[in-house]
Amino acid sequence: IVGSPYDDNVFPYQSGNPENNAVLSGY
């Protein structure tokens, strides 16, 4: 449904605002 718009090169696996760090995928 949703995924993170950043990859796991960002450690410790977070980027930006943790309250709003996912987007809808195409599906």
mmCIF file of all heavy atoms, coordinates in Angstrom:
data_MODEL
# 
_entry.id   MODEL 
# 
loop_
_atom_site.group_PDB 
_atom_site.id 
_atom_site.type_symbol 
_atom_site.label_atom_id 
_atom_site.label_alt_id 
_atom_site.label_comp_id 
_atom_site.label_asym_id 
_atom_site.label_entity_id 
_atom_site.label_seq_id 
_atom_site.pdbx_PDB_ins_code 
_atom_site.Cartn_x 
_atom_site.Cartn_y 
_atom_site.Cartn_z 
_atom_site.occupancy 
_atom_site.B_iso_or_equiv 
_atom_site.pdbx_formal_charge 
_atom_site.auth_seq_id 
_atom_site.auth_comp_id 
_atom_site.auth_asym_id 
_atom_site.auth_atom_id 
_atom_site.pdbx_PDB_model_num 
ATOM 1   N N   . ILE A 1 1  ? 0.851  -1.198 0.000  1.00 0.00 ? 1  ILE A N   1 
ATOM 2   C CA  . ILE A 1 1  ? 0.000  0.000  0.000  1.00 0.00 ? 1  ILE A CA  1 
ATOM 3   C C   . ILE A 1 1  ? 0.881  1.241  0.000  1.00 0.00 ? 1  ILE A C   1 
ATOM 4   O O   . ILE A 1 1  ? 0.833  2.048  -0.919 1.00 0.00 ? 1  ILE A O   1 
ATOM 5   C CB  . ILE A 1 1  ? -0.966 0.028  1.210  1.00 0.00 ? 1  ILE A CB  1 
ATOM 6   C CG1 . ILE A 1 1  ? -1.892 -1.198 1.210  1.00 0.00 ? 1  ILE A CG1 1 
ATOM 7   C CG2 . ILE A 1 1  ? -1.821 1.310  1.171  1.00 0.00 ? 1  ILE A CG2 1 
ATOM 8   C CD1 . ILE A 1 1  ? -2.808 -1.286 2.428  1.00 0.00 ? 1  ILE A CD1 1 
ATOM 9   N N   . VAL A 1 2  ? 1.704  1.416  1.043  1.00 0.00 ? 2  VAL A N   1 
ATOM 10  C CA  . VAL A 1 2  ? 2.621  2.552  1.095  1.00 0.00 ? 2  VAL A CA  1 
ATOM 11  C C   . VAL A 1 2  ? 4.046  2.047  1.280  1.00 0.00 ? 2  VAL A C   1 
ATOM 12  O O   . VAL A 1 2  ? 4.284  0.923  1.727  1.00 0.00 ? 2  VAL A O   1 
ATOM 13  C CB  . VAL A 1 2  ? 2.278  3.539  2.243  1.00 0.00 ? 2  VAL A CB  1 
ATOM 14  C CG1 . VAL A 1 2  ? 0.921  4.167  2.035  1.00 0.00 ? 2  VAL A CG1 1 
ATOM 15  C CG2 . VAL A 1 2  ? 2.362  2.855  3.603  1.00 0.00 ? 2  VAL A CG2 1 
ATOM 16  N N   . GLY A 1 3  ? 4.987  2.891  0.907  1.00 0.00 ? 3  GLY A N   1 
ATOM 17  C CA  . GLY A 1 3  ? 6.394  2.587  1.109  1.00 0.00 ? 3  GLY A CA  1 
ATOM 18  C C   . GLY A 1 3  ? 7.160  3.852  1.411  1.00 0.00 ? 3  GLY A C   1 
ATOM 19  O O   . GLY A 1 3  ? 6.636  4.967  1.277  1.00 0.00 ? 3  GLY A O   1 
ATOM 20  N N   . SER A 1 4  ? 8.393  3.697  1.832  1.00 0.00 ? 4  SER A N   1 
ATOM 21  C CA  . SER A 1 4  ? 9.224  4.846  2.184  1.00 0.00 ? 4  SER A CA  1 
ATOM 22  C C   . SER A 1 4  ? 9.909  5.399  0.940  1.00 0.00 ? 4  SER A C   1 
ATOM 23  O O   . SER A 1 4  ? 10.473 4.641  0.155  1.00 0.00 ? 4  SER A O   1 
ATOM 24  C CB  . SER A 1 4  ? 10.285 4.438  3.212  1.00 0.00 ? 4  SER A CB  1 
ATOM 25  O OG  . SER A 1 4  ? 9.680  3.893  4.357  1.00 0.00 ? 4  SER A OG  1 
ATOM 26  N N   . PRO A 1 5  ? 9.894  6.712  0.761  1.00 0.00 ? 5  PRO A N   1 
ATOM 27  C CA  . PRO A 1 5  ? 10.500 7.319  -0.431 1.00 0.00 ? 5  PRO A CA  1 
ATOM 28  C C   . PRO A 1 5  ? 12.010 7.518  -0.279 1.00 0.00 ? 5  PRO A C   1 
ATOM 29  O O   . PRO A 1 5  ? 12.585 8.402  -0.867 1.00 0.00 ? 5  PRO A O   1 
ATOM 30  C CB  . PRO A 1 5  ? 9.771  8.667  -0.527 1.00 0.00 ? 5  PRO A CB  1 
ATOM 31  C CG  . PRO A 1 5  ? 9.467  9.013  0.888  1.00 0.00 ? 5  PRO A CG  1 
ATOM 32  C CD  . PRO A 1 5  ? 9.184  7.705  1.574  1.00 0.00 ? 5  PRO A CD  1 
ATOM 33  N N   . TYR A 1 6  ? 12.644 6.705  0.547  1.00 0.00 ? 6  TYR A N   1 
ATOM 34  C CA  . TYR A 1 6  ? 14.093 6.727  0.696  1.00 0.00 ? 6  TYR A CA  1 
ATOM 35  C C   . TYR A 1 6  ? 14.546 5.292  0.880  1.00 0.00 ? 6  TYR A C   1 
ATOM 36  O O   . TYR A 1 6  ? 13.757 4.411  1.223  1.00 0.00 ? 6  TYR A O   1 
ATOM 37  C CB  . TYR A 1 6  ? 14.514 7.590  1.885  1.00 0.00 ? 6  TYR A CB  1 
ATOM 38  C CG  . TYR A 1 6  ? 13.981 7.127  3.219  1.00 0.00 ? 6  TYR A CG  1 
ATOM 39  C CD1 . TYR A 1 6  ? 14.734 6.307  4.048  1.00 0.00 ? 6  TYR A CD1 1 
ATOM 40  C CD2 . TYR A 1 6  ? 12.703 7.496  3.654  1.00 0.00 ? 6  TYR A CD2 1 
ATOM 41  C CE1 . TYR A 1 6  ? 14.249 5.868  5.269  1.00 0.00 ? 6  TYR A CE1 1 
ATOM 42  C CE2 . TYR A 1 6  ? 12.217 7.065  4.874  1.00 0.00 ? 6  TYR A CE2 1 
ATOM 43  C CZ  . TYR A 1 6  ? 12.990 6.249  5.680  1.00 0.00 ? 6  TYR A CZ  1 
ATOM 44  O OH  . TYR A 1 6  ? 12.497 5.818  6.883  1.00 0.00 ? 6  TYR A OH  1 
ATOM 45  N N   . ASP A 1 7  ? 15.824 5.017  0.646  1.00 0.00 ? 7  ASP A N   1 
ATOM 46  C CA  . ASP A 1 7  ? 16.263 3.624  0.719  1.00 0.00 ? 7  ASP A CA  1 
ATOM 47  C C   . ASP A 1 7  ? 17.084 3.376  1.969  1.00 0.00 ? 7  ASP A C   1 
ATOM 48  O O   . ASP A 1 7  ? 17.261 4.252  2.807  1.00 0.00 ? 7  ASP A O   1 
ATOM 49  C CB  . ASP A 1 7  ? 17.037 3.222  -0.545 1.00 0.00 ? 7  ASP A CB  1 
ATOM 50  C CG  . ASP A 1 7  ? 18.290 4.068  -0.745 1.00 0.00 ? 7  ASP A CG  1 
ATOM 51  O OD1 . ASP A 1 7  ? 18.875 4.527  0.259  1.00 0.00 ? 7  ASP A OD1 1 
ATOM 52  O OD2 . ASP A 1 7  ? 18.687 4.260  -1.905 1.00 0.00 ? 7  ASP A OD2 1 
ATOM 53  N N   . ASP A 1 8  ? 17.590 2.147  2.089  1.00 0.00 ? 8  ASP A N   1 
ATOM 54  C CA  . ASP A 1 8  ? 18.286 1.808  3.317  1.00 0.00 ? 8  ASP A CA  1 
ATOM 55  C C   . ASP A 1 8  ? 19.743 2.253  3.316  1.00 0.00 ? 8  ASP A C   1 
ATOM 56  O O   . ASP A 1 8  ? 20.534 1.818  4.150  1.00 0.00 ? 8  ASP A O   1 
ATOM 57  C CB  . ASP A 1 8  ? 18.169 0.314  3.626  1.00 0.00 ? 8  ASP A CB  1 
ATOM 58  C CG  . ASP A 1 8  ? 18.792 -0.561 2.556  1.00 0.00 ? 8  ASP A CG  1 
ATOM 59  O OD1 . ASP A 1 8  ? 19.308 -0.010 1.561  1.00 0.00 ? 8  ASP A OD1 1 
ATOM 60  O OD2 . ASP A 1 8  ? 18.759 -1.791 2.719  1.00 0.00 ? 8  ASP A OD2 1 
ATOM 61  N N   . ASN A 1 9  ? 20.098 3.134  2.375  1.00 0.00 ? 9  ASN A N   1 
ATOM 62  C CA  . ASN A 1 9  ? 21.385 3.819  2.500  1.00 0.00 ? 9  ASN A CA  1 
ATOM 63  C C   . ASN A 1 9  ? 21.325 4.860  3.607  1.00 0.00 ? 9  ASN A C   1 
ATOM 64  O O   . ASN A 1 9  ? 22.349 5.367  4.050  1.00 0.00 ? 9  ASN A O   1 
ATOM 65  C CB  . ASN A 1 9  ? 21.776 4.497  1.182  1.00 0.00 ? 9  ASN A CB  1 
ATOM 66  C CG  . ASN A 1 9  ? 22.117 3.477  0.117  1.00 0.00 ? 9  ASN A CG  1 
ATOM 67  O OD1 . ASN A 1 9  ? 22.686 2.436  0.419  1.00 0.00 ? 9  ASN A OD1 1 
ATOM 68  N ND2 . ASN A 1 9  ? 21.746 3.767  -1.126 1.00 0.00 ? 9  ASN A ND2 1 
ATOM 69  N N   . VAL A 1 10 ? 20.105 5.218  3.985  1.00 0.00 ? 10 VAL A N   1 
ATOM 70  C CA  . VAL A 1 10 ? 19.913 6.151  5.092  1.00 0.00 ? 10 VAL A CA  1 
ATOM 71  C C   . VAL A 1 10 ? 19.859 5.333  6.377  1.00 0.00 ? 10 VAL A C   1 
ATOM 72  O O   . VAL A 1 10 ? 18.982 4.500  6.551  1.00 0.00 ? 10 VAL A O   1 
ATOM 73  C CB  . VAL A 1 10 ? 18.611 6.962  4.920  1.00 0.00 ? 10 VAL A CB  1 
ATOM 74  C CG1 . VAL A 1 10 ? 18.411 7.894  6.096  1.00 0.00 ? 10 VAL A CG1 1 
ATOM 75  C CG2 . VAL A 1 10 ? 18.653 7.741  3.613  1.00 0.00 ? 10 VAL A CG2 1 
ATOM 76  N N   . PHE A 1 11 ? 20.806 5.544  7.255  1.00 0.00 ? 11 PHE A N   1 
ATOM 77  C CA  . PHE A 1 11 ? 20.821 4.797  8.515  1.00 0.00 ? 11 PHE A CA  1 
ATOM 78  C C   . PHE A 1 11 ? 20.693 5.777  9.668  1.00 0.00 ? 11 PHE A C   1 
ATOM 79  O O   . PHE A 1 11 ? 21.276 6.857  9.615  1.00 0.00 ? 11 PHE A O   1 
ATOM 80  C CB  . PHE A 1 11 ? 22.125 3.991  8.645  1.00 0.00 ? 11 PHE A CB  1 
ATOM 81  C CG  . PHE A 1 11 ? 22.105 3.034  9.798  1.00 0.00 ? 11 PHE A CG  1 
ATOM 82  C CD1 . PHE A 1 11 ? 21.514 1.786  9.664  1.00 0.00 ? 11 PHE A CD1 1 
ATOM 83  C CD2 . PHE A 1 11 ? 22.643 3.388  11.021 1.00 0.00 ? 11 PHE A CD2 1 
ATOM 84  C CE1 . PHE A 1 11 ? 21.475 0.907  10.728 1.00 0.00 ? 11 PHE A CE1 1 
ATOM 85  C CE2 . PHE A 1 11 ? 22.603 2.520  12.094 1.00 0.00 ? 11 PHE A CE2 1 
ATOM 86  C CZ  . PHE A 1 11 ? 22.018 1.272  11.943 1.00 0.00 ? 11 PHE A CZ  1 
ATOM 87  N N   . PRO A 1 12 ? 19.922 5.506  10.692 1.00 0.00 ? 12 PRO A N   1 
ATOM 88  C CA  . PRO A 1 12 ? 19.273 4.213  10.984 1.00 0.00 ? 12 PRO A CA  1 
ATOM 89  C C   . PRO A 1 12 ? 17.874 4.088  10.411 1.00 0.00 ? 12 PRO A C   1 
ATOM 90  O O   . PRO A 1 12 ? 16.889 3.979  11.150 1.00 0.00 ? 12 PRO A O   1 
ATOM 91  C CB  . PRO A 1 12 ? 19.256 4.192  12.507 1.00 0.00 ? 12 PRO A CB  1 
ATOM 92  C CG  . PRO A 1 12 ? 19.084 5.647  12.882 1.00 0.00 ? 12 PRO A CG  1 
ATOM 93  C CD  . PRO A 1 12 ? 19.810 6.430  11.825 1.00 0.00 ? 12 PRO A CD  1 
ATOM 94  N N   . TYR A 1 13 ? 17.778 4.104  9.109  1.00 0.00 ? 13 TYR A N   1 
ATOM 95  C CA  . TYR A 1 13 ? 16.529 3.830  8.415  1.00 0.00 ? 13 TYR A CA  1 
ATOM 96  C C   . TYR A 1 13 ? 15.429 4.817  8.747  1.00 0.00 ? 13 TYR A C   1 
ATOM 97  O O   . TYR A 1 13 ? 14.305 4.453  9.073  1.00 0.00 ? 13 TYR A O   1 
ATOM 98  C CB  . TYR A 1 13 ? 16.063 2.399  8.660  1.00 0.00 ? 13 TYR A CB  1 
ATOM 99  C CG  . TYR A 1 13 ? 17.145 1.386  8.391  1.00 0.00 ? 13 TYR A CG  1 
ATOM 100 C CD1 . TYR A 1 13 ? 17.481 0.420  9.309  1.00 0.00 ? 13 TYR A CD1 1 
ATOM 101 C CD2 . TYR A 1 13 ? 17.851 1.416  7.180  1.00 0.00 ? 13 TYR A CD2 1 
ATOM 102 C CE1 . TYR A 1 13 ? 18.489 -0.502 9.055  1.00 0.00 ? 13 TYR A CE1 1 
ATOM 103 C CE2 . TYR A 1 13 ? 18.857 0.500  6.921  1.00 0.00 ? 13 TYR A CE2 1 
ATOM 104 C CZ  . TYR A 1 13 ? 19.175 -0.453 7.859  1.00 0.00 ? 13 TYR A CZ  1 
ATOM 105 O OH  . TYR A 1 13 ? 20.181 -1.345 7.599  1.00 0.00 ? 13 TYR A OH  1 
ATOM 106 N N   . GLN A 1 14 ? 15.749 6.082  8.673  1.00 0.00 ? 14 GLN A N   1 
ATOM 107 C CA  . GLN A 1 14 ? 14.745 7.111  8.793  1.00 0.00 ? 14 GLN A CA  1 
ATOM 108 C C   . GLN A 1 14 ? 15.235 8.335  8.024  1.00 0.00 ? 14 GLN A C   1 
ATOM 109 O O   . GLN A 1 14 ? 16.427 8.530  7.818  1.00 0.00 ? 14 GLN A O   1 
ATOM 110 C CB  . GLN A 1 14 ? 14.498 7.504  10.250 1.00 0.00 ? 14 GLN A CB  1 
ATOM 111 C CG  . GLN A 1 14 ? 15.686 8.208  10.901 1.00 0.00 ? 14 GLN A CG  1 
ATOM 112 C CD  . GLN A 1 14 ? 15.393 8.676  12.301 1.00 0.00 ? 14 GLN A CD  1 
ATOM 113 O OE1 . GLN A 1 14 ? 15.593 7.937  13.239 1.00 0.00 ? 14 GLN A OE1 1 
ATOM 114 N NE2 . GLN A 1 14 ? 14.921 9.887  12.429 1.00 0.00 ? 14 GLN A NE2 1 
ATOM 115 N N   . SER A 1 15 ? 14.305 9.121  7.580  1.00 0.00 ? 15 SER A N   1 
ATOM 116 C CA  . SER A 1 15 ? 14.657 10.325 6.843  1.00 0.00 ? 15 SER A CA  1 
ATOM 117 C C   . SER A 1 15 ? 13.516 11.313 6.969  1.00 0.00 ? 15 SER A C   1 
ATOM 118 O O   . SER A 1 15 ? 12.349 10.946 6.815  1.00 0.00 ? 15 SER A O   1 
ATOM 119 C CB  . SER A 1 15 ? 14.914 10.014 5.367  1.00 0.00 ? 15 SER A CB  1 
ATOM 120 O OG  . SER A 1 15 ? 15.240 11.187 4.653  1.00 0.00 ? 15 SER A OG  1 
ATOM 121 N N   . GLY A 1 16 ? 13.858 12.559 7.278  1.00 0.00 ? 16 GLY A N   1 
ATOM 122 C CA  . GLY A 1 16 ? 12.828 13.573 7.370  1.00 0.00 ? 16 GLY A CA  1 
ATOM 123 C C   . GLY A 1 16 ? 11.952 13.382 8.586  1.00 0.00 ? 16 GLY A C   1 
ATOM 124 O O   . GLY A 1 16 ? 12.382 12.936 9.640  1.00 0.00 ? 16 GLY A O   1 
ATOM 125 N N   . ASN A 1 17 ? 10.683 13.694 8.427  1.00 0.00 ? 17 ASN A N   1 
ATOM 126 C CA  . ASN A 1 17 ? 9.722  13.642 9.516  1.00 0.00 ? 17 ASN A CA  1 
ATOM 127 C C   . ASN A 1 17 ? 9.203  12.218 9.683  1.00 0.00 ? 17 ASN A C   1 
ATOM 128 O O   . ASN A 1 17 ? 8.512  11.694 8.804  1.00 0.00 ? 17 ASN A O   1 
ATOM 129 C CB  . ASN A 1 17 ? 8.562  14.596 9.207  1.00 0.00 ? 17 ASN A CB  1 
ATOM 130 C CG  . ASN A 1 17 ? 7.492  14.581 10.286 1.00 0.00 ? 17 ASN A CG  1 
ATOM 131 O OD1 . ASN A 1 17 ? 7.669  13.985 11.346 1.00 0.00 ? 17 ASN A OD1 1 
ATOM 132 N ND2 . ASN A 1 17 ? 6.375  15.237 10.016 1.00 0.00 ? 17 ASN A ND2 1 
ATOM 133 N N   . PRO A 1 18 ? 9.486  11.552 10.808 1.00 0.00 ? 18 PRO A N   1 
ATOM 134 C CA  . PRO A 1 18 ? 9.024  10.174 10.961 1.00 0.00 ? 18 PRO A CA  1 
ATOM 135 C C   . PRO A 1 18 ? 7.507  10.040 10.989 1.00 0.00 ? 18 PRO A C   1 
ATOM 136 O O   . PRO A 1 18 ? 6.982  8.944  10.799 1.00 0.00 ? 18 PRO A O   1 
ATOM 137 C CB  . PRO A 1 18 ? 9.647  9.733  12.295 1.00 0.00 ? 18 PRO A CB  1 
ATOM 138 C CG  . PRO A 1 18 ? 9.919  10.989 13.042 1.00 0.00 ? 18 PRO A CG  1 
ATOM 139 C CD  . PRO A 1 18 ? 10.248 12.012 11.992 1.00 0.00 ? 18 PRO A CD  1 
ATOM 140 N N   . GLU A 1 19 ? 6.807  11.150 11.227 1.00 0.00 ? 19 GLU A N   1 
ATOM 141 C CA  . GLU A 1 19 ? 5.346  11.118 11.203 1.00 0.00 ? 19 GLU A CA  1 
ATOM 142 C C   . GLU A 1 19 ? 4.802  11.108 9.771  1.00 0.00 ? 19 GLU A C   1 
ATOM 143 O O   . GLU A 1 19 ? 3.637  10.816 9.551  1.00 0.00 ? 19 GLU A O   1 
ATOM 144 C CB  . GLU A 1 19 ? 4.779  12.338 11.935 1.00 0.00 ? 19 GLU A CB  1 
ATOM 145 C CG  . GLU A 1 19 ? 5.158  12.425 13.405 1.00 0.00 ? 19 GLU A CG  1 
ATOM 146 C CD  . GLU A 1 19 ? 4.394  11.443 14.260 1.00 0.00 ? 19 GLU A CD  1 
ATOM 147 O OE1 . GLU A 1 19 ? 3.443  10.846 13.736 1.00 0.00 ? 19 GLU A OE1 1 
ATOM 148 O OE2 . GLU A 1 19 ? 4.756  11.265 15.426 1.00 0.00 ? 19 GLU A OE2 1 
ATOM 149 N N   . ASN A 1 20 ? 5.653  11.430 8.819  1.00 0.00 ? 20 ASN A N   1 
ATOM 150 C CA  . ASN A 1 20 ? 5.178  11.563 7.443  1.00 0.00 ? 20 ASN A CA  1 
ATOM 151 C C   . ASN A 1 20 ? 6.313  11.223 6.486  1.00 0.00 ? 20 ASN A C   1 
ATOM 152 O O   . ASN A 1 20 ? 6.839  12.071 5.789  1.00 0.00 ? 20 ASN A O   1 
ATOM 153 C CB  . ASN A 1 20 ? 4.667  12.988 7.202  1.00 0.00 ? 20 ASN A CB  1 
ATOM 154 C CG  . ASN A 1 20 ? 4.028  13.146 5.837  1.00 0.00 ? 20 ASN A CG  1 
ATOM 155 O OD1 . ASN A 1 20 ? 3.682  12.169 5.185  1.00 0.00 ? 20 ASN A OD1 1 
ATOM 156 N ND2 . ASN A 1 20 ? 3.887  14.388 5.397  1.00 0.00 ? 20 ASN A ND2 1 
ATOM 157 N N   . ASN A 1 21 ? 6.682  9.945  6.482  1.00 0.00 ? 21 ASN A N   1 
ATOM 158 C CA  . ASN A 1 21 ? 7.793  9.531  5.635  1.00 0.00 ? 21 ASN A CA  1 
ATOM 159 C C   . ASN A 1 21 ? 7.438  8.299  4.809  1.00 0.00 ? 21 ASN A C   1 
ATOM 160 O O   . ASN A 1 21 ? 8.246  7.402  4.606  1.00 0.00 ? 21 ASN A O   1 
ATOM 161 C CB  . ASN A 1 21 ? 9.049  9.278  6.467  1.00 0.00 ? 21 ASN A CB  1 
ATOM 162 C CG  . ASN A 1 21 ? 8.866  8.160  7.491  1.00 0.00 ? 21 ASN A CG  1 
ATOM 163 O OD1 . ASN A 1 21 ? 7.760  7.656  7.676  1.00 0.00 ? 21 ASN A OD1 1 
ATOM 164 N ND2 . ASN A 1 21 ? 9.952  7.773  8.146  1.00 0.00 ? 21 ASN A ND2 1 
ATOM 165 N N   . ALA A 1 22 ? 6.201  8.249  4.343  1.00 0.00 ? 22 ALA A N   1 
ATOM 166 C CA  . ALA A 1 22 ? 5.757  7.177  3.462  1.00 0.00 ? 22 ALA A CA  1 
ATOM 167 C C   . ALA A 1 22 ? 4.828  7.755  2.409  1.00 0.00 ? 22 ALA A C   1 
ATOM 168 O O   . ALA A 1 22 ? 4.184  8.789  2.627  1.00 0.00 ? 22 ALA A O   1 
ATOM 169 C CB  . ALA A 1 22 ? 5.050  6.081  4.254  1.00 0.00 ? 22 ALA A CB  1 
ATOM 170 N N   . VAL A 1 23 ? 4.776  7.095  1.258  1.00 0.00 ? 23 VAL A N   1 
ATOM 171 C CA  . VAL A 1 23 ? 3.902  7.529  0.164  1.00 0.00 ? 23 VAL A CA  1 
ATOM 172 C C   . VAL A 1 23 ? 3.172  6.318  -0.401 1.00 0.00 ? 23 VAL A C   1 
ATOM 173 O O   . VAL A 1 23 ? 3.621  5.175  -0.262 1.00 0.00 ? 23 VAL A O   1 
ATOM 174 C CB  . VAL A 1 23 ? 4.706  8.224  -0.961 1.00 0.00 ? 23 VAL A CB  1 
ATOM 175 C CG1 . VAL A 1 23 ? 5.326  9.516  -0.468 1.00 0.00 ? 23 VAL A CG1 1 
ATOM 176 C CG2 . VAL A 1 23 ? 5.771  7.300  -1.527 1.00 0.00 ? 23 VAL A CG2 1 
ATOM 177 N N   . LEU A 1 24 ? 2.051  6.570  -1.018 1.00 0.00 ? 24 LEU A N   1 
ATOM 178 C CA  . LEU A 1 24 ? 1.322  5.501  -1.695 1.00 0.00 ? 24 LEU A CA  1 
ATOM 179 C C   . LEU A 1 24 ? 2.125  5.011  -2.890 1.00 0.00 ? 24 LEU A C   1 
ATOM 180 O O   . LEU A 1 24 ? 2.658  5.803  -3.673 1.00 0.00 ? 24 LEU A O   1 
ATOM 181 C CB  . LEU A 1 24 ? -0.040 6.000  -2.170 1.00 0.00 ? 24 LEU A CB  1 
ATOM 182 C CG  . LEU A 1 24 ? -1.115 6.206  -1.103 1.00 0.00 ? 24 LEU A CG  1 
ATOM 183 C CD1 . LEU A 1 24 ? -2.264 7.025  -1.668 1.00 0.00 ? 24 LEU A CD1 1 
ATOM 184 C CD2 . LEU A 1 24 ? -1.628 4.869  -0.582 1.00 0.00 ? 24 LEU A CD2 1 
ATOM 185 N N   . SER A 1 25 ? 2.212  3.689  -3.036 1.00 0.00 ? 25 SER A N   1 
ATOM 186 C CA  . SER A 1 25 ? 2.795  3.120  -4.248 1.00 0.00 ? 25 SER A CA  1 
ATOM 187 C C   . SER A 1 25 ? 1.782  3.249  -5.380 1.00 0.00 ? 25 SER A C   1 
ATOM 188 O O   . SER A 1 25 ? 0.629  3.672  -5.168 1.00 0.00 ? 25 SER A O   1 
ATOM 189 C CB  . SER A 1 25 ? 3.139  1.654  -4.012 1.00 0.00 ? 25 SER A CB  1 
ATOM 190 O OG  . SER A 1 25 ? 1.946  0.887  -3.854 1.00 0.00 ? 25 SER A OG  1 
ATOM 191 N N   . GLY A 1 26 ? 2.181  2.874  -6.574 1.00 0.00 ? 26 GLY A N   1 
ATOM 192 C CA  . GLY A 1 26 ? 1.234  2.911  -7.684 1.00 0.00 ? 26 GLY A CA  1 
ATOM 193 C C   . GLY A 1 26 ? 0.022  2.048  -7.414 1.00 0.00 ? 26 GLY A C   1 
ATOM 194 O O   . GLY A 1 26 ? -1.126 2.463  -7.600 1.00 0.00 ? 26 GLY A O   1 
ATOM 195 N N   . TYR A 1 27 ? 0.256  0.817  -6.923 1.00 0.00 ? 27 TYR A N   1 
ATOM 196 C CA  . TYR A 1 27 ? -0.865 -0.047 -6.571 1.00 0.00 ? 27 TYR A CA  1 
ATOM 197 C C   . TYR A 1 27 ? -1.584 0.476  -5.338 1.00 0.00 ? 27 TYR A C   1 
ATOM 198 O O   . TYR A 1 27 ? -2.810 0.386  -5.237 1.00 0.00 ? 27 TYR A O   1 
ATOM 199 C CB  . TYR A 1 27 ? -0.363 -1.467 -6.329 1.00 0.00 ? 27 TYR A CB  1 
ATOM 200 C CG  . TYR A 1 27 ? -1.442 -2.387 -5.822 1.00 0.00 ? 27 TYR A CG  1 
ATOM 201 C CD1 . TYR A 1 27 ? -2.481 -2.808 -6.655 1.00 0.00 ? 27 TYR A CD1 1 
ATOM 202 C CD2 . TYR A 1 27 ? -1.447 -2.829 -4.498 1.00 0.00 ? 27 TYR A CD2 1 
ATOM 203 C CE1 . TYR A 1 27 ? -3.486 -3.645 -6.190 1.00 0.00 ? 27 TYR A CE1 1 
ATOM 204 C CE2 . TYR A 1 27 ? -2.442 -3.670 -4.019 1.00 0.00 ? 27 TYR A CE2 1 
ATOM 205 C CZ  . TYR A 1 27 ? -3.463 -4.068 -4.869 1.00 0.00 ? 27 TYR A CZ  1 
ATOM 206 O OH  . TYR A 1 27 ? -4.462 -4.885 -4.410 1.00 0.00 ? 27 TYR A OH  1 
# 
